[in-house]
C-alpha atoms as a PDB file:
ATOM      1  CA  MET A   1     129.900  95.535 126.401  1.00  0.00           C
ATOM      2  CA  PRO A   2     130.276  94.188 122.838  1.00  0.00           C
ATOM      3  CA  VAL A   3     130.599  96.629 119.969  1.00  0.00           C
ATOM      4  CA  PRO A   4     127.843  96.163 117.371  1.00  0.00           C
ATOM      5  CA  ASP A   5     129.024  95.040 113.943  1.00  0.00           C
ATOM      6  CA  VAL A   6     127.313  97.775 111.915  1.00  0.00           C
ATOM      7  CA  ALA A   7     128.630  96.581 108.552  1.00  0.00           C
ATOM      8  CA  ASN A   8     127.292  93.063 109.144  1.00  0.00           C
ATOM      9  CA  ALA A   9     124.030  94.341 110.629  1.00  0.00           C
ATOM     10  CA  ALA A  10     123.233  96.111 107.354  1.00  0.00           C
ATOM     11  CA  ARG A  11     123.476  92.770 105.522  1.00  0.00           C
ATOM     12  CA  VAL A  12     121.446  90.719 107.994  1.00  0.00           C
ATOM     13  CA  ASN A  13     118.248  89.505 106.411  1.00  0.00           C
ATOM     14  CA  ALA A  14     115.026  91.077 107.593  1.00  0.00           C
ATOM     15  CA  LEU A  15     112.939  89.243 110.192  1.00  0.00           C
ATOM     16  CA  SER A  16     115.772  86.804 110.897  1.00  0.00           C
ATOM     17  CA  THR A  17     115.739  87.467 114.655  1.00  0.00           C
ATOM     18  CA  MET A  18     113.150  87.939 117.363  1.00  0.00           C
ATOM     19  CA  GLU A  19     114.317  91.551 117.733  1.00  0.00           C
ATOM     20  CA  HIS A  20     113.602  92.175 114.046  1.00  0.00           C
ATOM     21  CA  VAL A  21     110.046  90.894 114.444  1.00  0.00           C
ATOM     22  CA  VAL A  22     109.509  93.124 117.496  1.00  0.00           C
ATOM     23  CA  GLU A  23     110.914  96.082 115.558  1.00  0.00           C
ATOM     24  CA  LEU A  24     108.417  95.400 112.775  1.00  0.00           C
ATOM     25  CA  ALA A  25     105.588  95.117 115.326  1.00  0.00           C
ATOM     26  CA  ASP A  26     106.572  98.566 116.648  1.00  0.00           C
ATOM     27  CA  SER A  27     106.405  99.882 113.104  1.00  0.00           C
ATOM     28  CA  VAL A  28     102.951  98.338 112.528  1.00  0.00           C
ATOM     29  CA  VAL A  29     101.695 100.031 115.713  1.00  0.00           C
ATOM     30  CA  HIS A  30     103.099 103.334 114.422  1.00  0.00           C
ATOM     31  CA  ILE A  31     101.258 102.824 111.120  1.00  0.00           C
ATOM     32  CA  ALA A  32      98.025 102.147 113.038  1.00  0.00           C
ATOM     33  CA  ASP A  33      98.595 105.326 115.069  1.00  0.00           C
ATOM     34  CA  GLN A  34      99.108 107.375 111.882  1.00  0.00           C
ATOM     35  CA  LEU A  35      96.014 105.825 110.319  1.00  0.00           C
ATOM     36  CA  HIS A  36      93.962 106.674 113.411  1.00  0.00           C
ATOM     37  CA  GLU A  37      95.116 110.305 113.337  1.00  0.00           C
ATOM     38  CA  ARG A  38      94.370 110.547 109.626  1.00  0.00           C
ATOM     39  CA  ILE A  39      90.857 109.117 110.090  1.00  0.00           C
ATOM     40  CA  LEU A  40      90.154 111.666 112.837  1.00  0.00           C
ATOM     41  CA  GLU A  41      91.423 114.494 110.618  1.00  0.00           C
ATOM     42  CA  GLU A  42      89.161 113.366 107.794  1.00  0.00           C
ATOM     43  CA  ILE A  43      86.132 113.210 110.085  1.00  0.00           C
ATOM     44  CA  ALA A  44      86.935 116.654 111.514  1.00  0.00           C
ATOM     45  CA  CYS A  45      86.951 118.132 107.993  1.00  0.00           C
ATOM     46  CA  TYR A  46      83.210 117.611 107.801  1.00  0.00           C
ATOM     47  CA  GLN A  47      82.500 119.755 110.898  1.00  0.00           C
ATOM     48  CA  ASN A  48      78.711 120.276 110.832  1.00  0.00           C
ATOM     49  CA  ARG A  49      78.185 118.819 107.345  1.00  0.00           C
ATOM     50  CA  ILE A  50      76.878 115.330 106.701  1.00  0.00           C
ATOM     51  CA  MET A  51      79.502 112.886 105.502  1.00  0.00           C
ATOM     52  CA  PRO A  52      78.458 111.113 102.279  1.00  0.00           C
ATOM     53  CA  ASP A  53      77.663 107.401 102.635  1.00  0.00           C
ATOM     54  CA  SER A  54      80.553 106.458 100.346  1.00  0.00           C
ATOM     55  CA  GLN A  55      82.983 108.341 102.608  1.00  0.00           C
ATOM     56  CA  LYS A  56      81.429 106.761 105.713  1.00  0.00           C
ATOM     57  CA  ALA A  57      82.062 103.345 104.166  1.00  0.00           C
ATOM     58  CA  VAL A  58      85.718 104.257 103.592  1.00  0.00           C
ATOM     59  CA  MET A  59      86.037 105.473 107.199  1.00  0.00           C
ATOM     60  CA  HIS A  60      84.501 102.260 108.555  1.00  0.00           C
ATOM     61  CA  THR A  61      86.811 100.136 106.404  1.00  0.00           C
ATOM     62  CA  LEU A  62      89.863 102.082 107.553  1.00  0.00           C
ATOM     63  CA  MET A  63      88.794 101.853 111.215  1.00  0.00           C
ATOM     64  CA  ASP A  64      88.446  98.085 110.803  1.00  0.00           C
ATOM     65  CA  ASP A  65      91.895  98.002 109.193  1.00  0.00           C
ATOM     66  CA  GLU A  66      93.339 100.011 112.077  1.00  0.00           C
ATOM     67  CA  LEU A  67      91.975  97.454 114.527  1.00  0.00           C
ATOM     68  CA  LEU A  68      93.417  94.608 112.445  1.00  0.00           C
ATOM     69  CA  LEU A  69      96.816  96.310 112.350  1.00  0.00           C
ATOM     70  CA  ARG A  70      96.826  96.611 116.133  1.00  0.00           C
ATOM     71  CA  GLN A  71      95.720  92.989 116.599  1.00  0.00           C
ATOM     72  CA  ARG A  72      98.391  91.724 114.220  1.00  0.00           C
ATOM     73  CA  ALA A  73     101.056  93.835 115.907  1.00  0.00           C
ATOM     74  CA  GLN A  74     100.054  92.353 119.264  1.00  0.00           C
ATOM     75  CA  ALA A  75     100.309  88.864 117.762  1.00  0.00           C
ATOM     76  CA  LEU A  76     103.803  89.707 116.486  1.00  0.00           C
ATOM     77  CA  TYR A  77     104.817  90.815 119.977  1.00  0.00           C
ATOM     78  CA  ALA A  78     103.304  87.754 121.627  1.00  0.00           C
ATOM     79  CA  GLU A  79     104.763  85.250 119.186  1.00  0.00           C
ATOM     80  CA  ALA A  80     107.942  87.009 118.054  1.00  0.00           C
ATOM     81  CA  THR A  81     110.108  83.936 118.506  1.00  0.00           C
ATOM     82  CA  THR A  82     107.906  81.818 116.240  1.00  0.00           C
ATOM     83  CA  TYR A  83     107.545  84.482 113.534  1.00  0.00           C
ATOM     84  CA  VAL A  84     111.227  84.608 112.623  1.00  0.00           C
ATOM     85  CA  ILE A  85     111.554  84.084 108.875  1.00  0.00           C
ATOM     86  CA  HIS A  86     114.724  82.763 107.317  1.00  0.00           C
ATOM     87  CA  GLY A  87     115.515  83.362 103.674  1.00  0.00           C
ATOM     88  CA  LEU A  88     113.953  86.801 103.200  1.00  0.00           C
ATOM     89  CA  ASP A  89     116.569  88.371 100.980  1.00  0.00           C
ATOM     90  CA  GLN A  90     116.026  91.951 102.168  1.00  0.00           C
ATOM     91  CA  PRO A  91     117.959  93.859 104.818  1.00  0.00           C
ATOM     92  CA  GLN A  92     116.028  94.724 107.985  1.00  0.00           C
ATOM     93  CA  ARG A  93     116.822  98.411 107.543  1.00  0.00           C
ATOM     94  CA  HIS A  94     115.107  98.314 104.137  1.00  0.00           C
ATOM     95  CA  LEU A  95     111.972  96.722 105.616  1.00  0.00           C
ATOM     96  CA  MET A  96     111.852  99.323 108.386  1.00  0.00           C
ATOM     97  CA  ALA A  97     112.391 102.216 105.938  1.00  0.00           C
ATOM     98  CA  LEU A  98     109.528 100.922 103.820  1.00  0.00           C
ATOM     99  CA  THR A  99     107.121 100.714 106.758  1.00  0.00           C
ATOM    100  CA  ALA A 100     108.229 104.132 108.035  1.00  0.00           C
ATOM    101  CA  ALA A 101     107.543 105.596 104.587  1.00  0.00           C
ATOM    102  CA  ALA A 102     104.092 103.971 104.622  1.00  0.00           C
ATOM    103  CA  ALA A 103     103.281 105.577 107.976  1.00  0.00           C
ATOM    104  CA  GLU A 104     104.401 108.972 106.701  1.00  0.00           C
ATOM    105  CA  GLN A 105     102.363 108.628 103.514  1.00  0.00           C
ATOM    106  CA  ILE A 106      99.254 107.734 105.498  1.00  0.00           C
ATOM    107  CA  ARG A 107      99.735 110.897 107.515  1.00  0.00           C
ATOM    108  CA  HIS A 108      99.978 113.106 104.422  1.00  0.00           C
ATOM    109  CA  ILE A 109      97.710 111.450 101.864  1.00  0.00           C
ATOM    110  CA  GLY A 110      95.292 113.959 100.425  1.00  0.00           C
ATOM    111  CA  VAL A 111      92.554 111.487  99.533  1.00  0.00           C
ATOM    112  CA  ILE A 112      92.198 109.112 102.441  1.00  0.00           C
ATOM    113  CA  ALA A 113      90.628 106.400 100.293  1.00  0.00           C
ATOM    114  CA  GLU A 114      94.073 105.936  98.705  1.00  0.00           C
ATOM    115  CA  THR A 115      95.312 104.415 101.963  1.00  0.00           C
ATOM    116  CA  THR A 116      93.162 101.289 101.659  1.00  0.00           C
ATOM    117  CA  GLY A 117      95.460  99.513  99.200  1.00  0.00           C
ATOM    118  CA  LEU A 118      98.569 100.359 101.191  1.00  0.00           C
ATOM    119  CA  ILE A 119      97.002  99.198 104.458  1.00  0.00           C
ATOM    120  CA  GLY A 120      95.811  95.996 102.765  1.00  0.00           C
ATOM    121  CA  GLU A 121      99.359  95.186 101.693  1.00  0.00           C
ATOM    122  CA  ILE A 122     100.739  95.908 105.163  1.00  0.00           C
ATOM    123  CA  LEU A 123      98.133  93.517 106.573  1.00  0.00           C
ATOM    124  CA  SER A 124      99.167  90.971 103.928  1.00  0.00           C
ATOM    125  CA  LEU A 125     102.811  91.426 104.957  1.00  0.00           C
ATOM    126  CA  VAL A 126     102.044  90.802 108.625  1.00  0.00           C
ATOM    127  CA  GLY A 127      99.757  87.896 107.724  1.00  0.00           C
ATOM    128  CA  GLY A 128     102.517  86.308 105.659  1.00  0.00           C
ATOM    129  CA  ILE A 129     104.909  86.661 108.581  1.00  0.00           C
ATOM    130  CA  ALA A 130     102.368  85.103 110.953  1.00  0.00           C
ATOM    131  CA  THR A 131     101.918  82.097 108.682  1.00  0.00           C
ATOM    132  CA  GLY A 132     105.574  81.817 107.702  1.00  0.00           C
ATOM    133  CA  ARG A 133     104.808  82.213 103.986  1.00  0.00           C
ATOM    134  CA  LEU A 134     107.974  83.722 102.551  1.00  0.00           C
ATOM    135  CA  SER A 135     106.383  84.165  99.103  1.00  0.00           C
ATOM    136  CA  GLN A 136     103.480  86.160 100.597  1.00  0.00           C
ATOM    137  CA  VAL A 137     105.923  88.355 102.533  1.00  0.00           C
ATOM    138  CA  GLU A 138     107.985  89.010  99.411  1.00  0.00           C
ATOM    139  CA  ALA A 139     104.879  89.752  97.314  1.00  0.00           C
ATOM    140  CA  ALA A 140     103.514  92.133  99.958  1.00  0.00           C
ATOM    141  CA  LEU A 141     106.839  93.973 100.181  1.00  0.00           C
ATOM    142  CA  GLU A 142     106.877  94.392  96.407  1.00  0.00           C
ATOM    143  CA  SER A 143     103.286  95.692  96.444  1.00  0.00           C
ATOM    144  CA  ILE A 144     104.081  98.111  99.280  1.00  0.00           C
ATOM    145  CA  LYS A 145     106.950  99.482  97.172  1.00  0.00           C
ATOM    146  CA  LEU A 146     104.565  99.935  94.239  1.00  0.00           C
ATOM    147  CA  HIS A 147     101.985 101.713  96.417  1.00  0.00           C
ATOM    148  CA  HIS A 148     104.744 103.914  97.817  1.00  0.00           C
ATOM    149  CA  THR A 149     105.826 104.896  94.304  1.00  0.00           C
ATOM    150  CA  ALA A 150     102.236 105.482  93.138  1.00  0.00           C
ATOM    151  CA  LEU A 151     101.393 107.592  96.185  1.00  0.00           C
ATOM    152  CA  LYS A 152     104.510 109.698  95.678  1.00  0.00           C
ATOM    153  CA  ALA A 153     103.378 110.325  92.102  1.00  0.00           C
ATOM    154  CA  LEU A 154      99.890 111.337  93.301  1.00  0.00           C
ATOM    155  CA  LYS A 155     101.277 113.824  95.812  1.00  0.00           C
ATOM    156  CA  PRO A 156     100.432 117.312  94.552  1.00  0.00           C
ATOM    157  CA  ALA A 157     103.374 119.442  93.460  1.00  0.00           C
ATOM    158  CA  PRO A 158     104.084 122.462  95.675  1.00  0.00           C
ATOM    159  CA  GLN A 159     102.632 125.682  94.332  1.00  0.00           C
ATOM    160  CA  ALA A 160     105.084 128.224  93.053  1.00  0.00           C
ATOM    161  CA  LYS A 161     105.363 131.411  95.082  1.00  0.00           C
ATOM    162  CA  THR A 162     104.105 134.452  93.275  1.00  0.00           C
END
């Protein structure tokens, strides 16, 4: 059995192999799973109270986005060989860390409406991959980084123990 070249693997450009595309599809499914759990948590918070129309609209939008994420992940699985992108100057491990961070943020975001921008950029990323638009993929990755930074800044500081 061949020994993996770990040093070279860290330098391999993201999405440059079918396996990379499948790995990203797995990550998109994980993001959809986290989004689904977060939506259910938000709905459960209302218990016997009526959810405001504005919040219902956010929930419907996020449920639609969840469905889109799952559909796009399935397309990535089905067409992985055709979605390989050459020239993306980012390591695969960086792309996977970014999507893993997005899934974790979705799980912990205090105000669920904040997830819409992040989900939109993830959908843009997958859409760029599906159409082979390197510039769209790069722009989406940059926007995901910005959302990640902004969401970290919005995260409430832990309360000091008294």
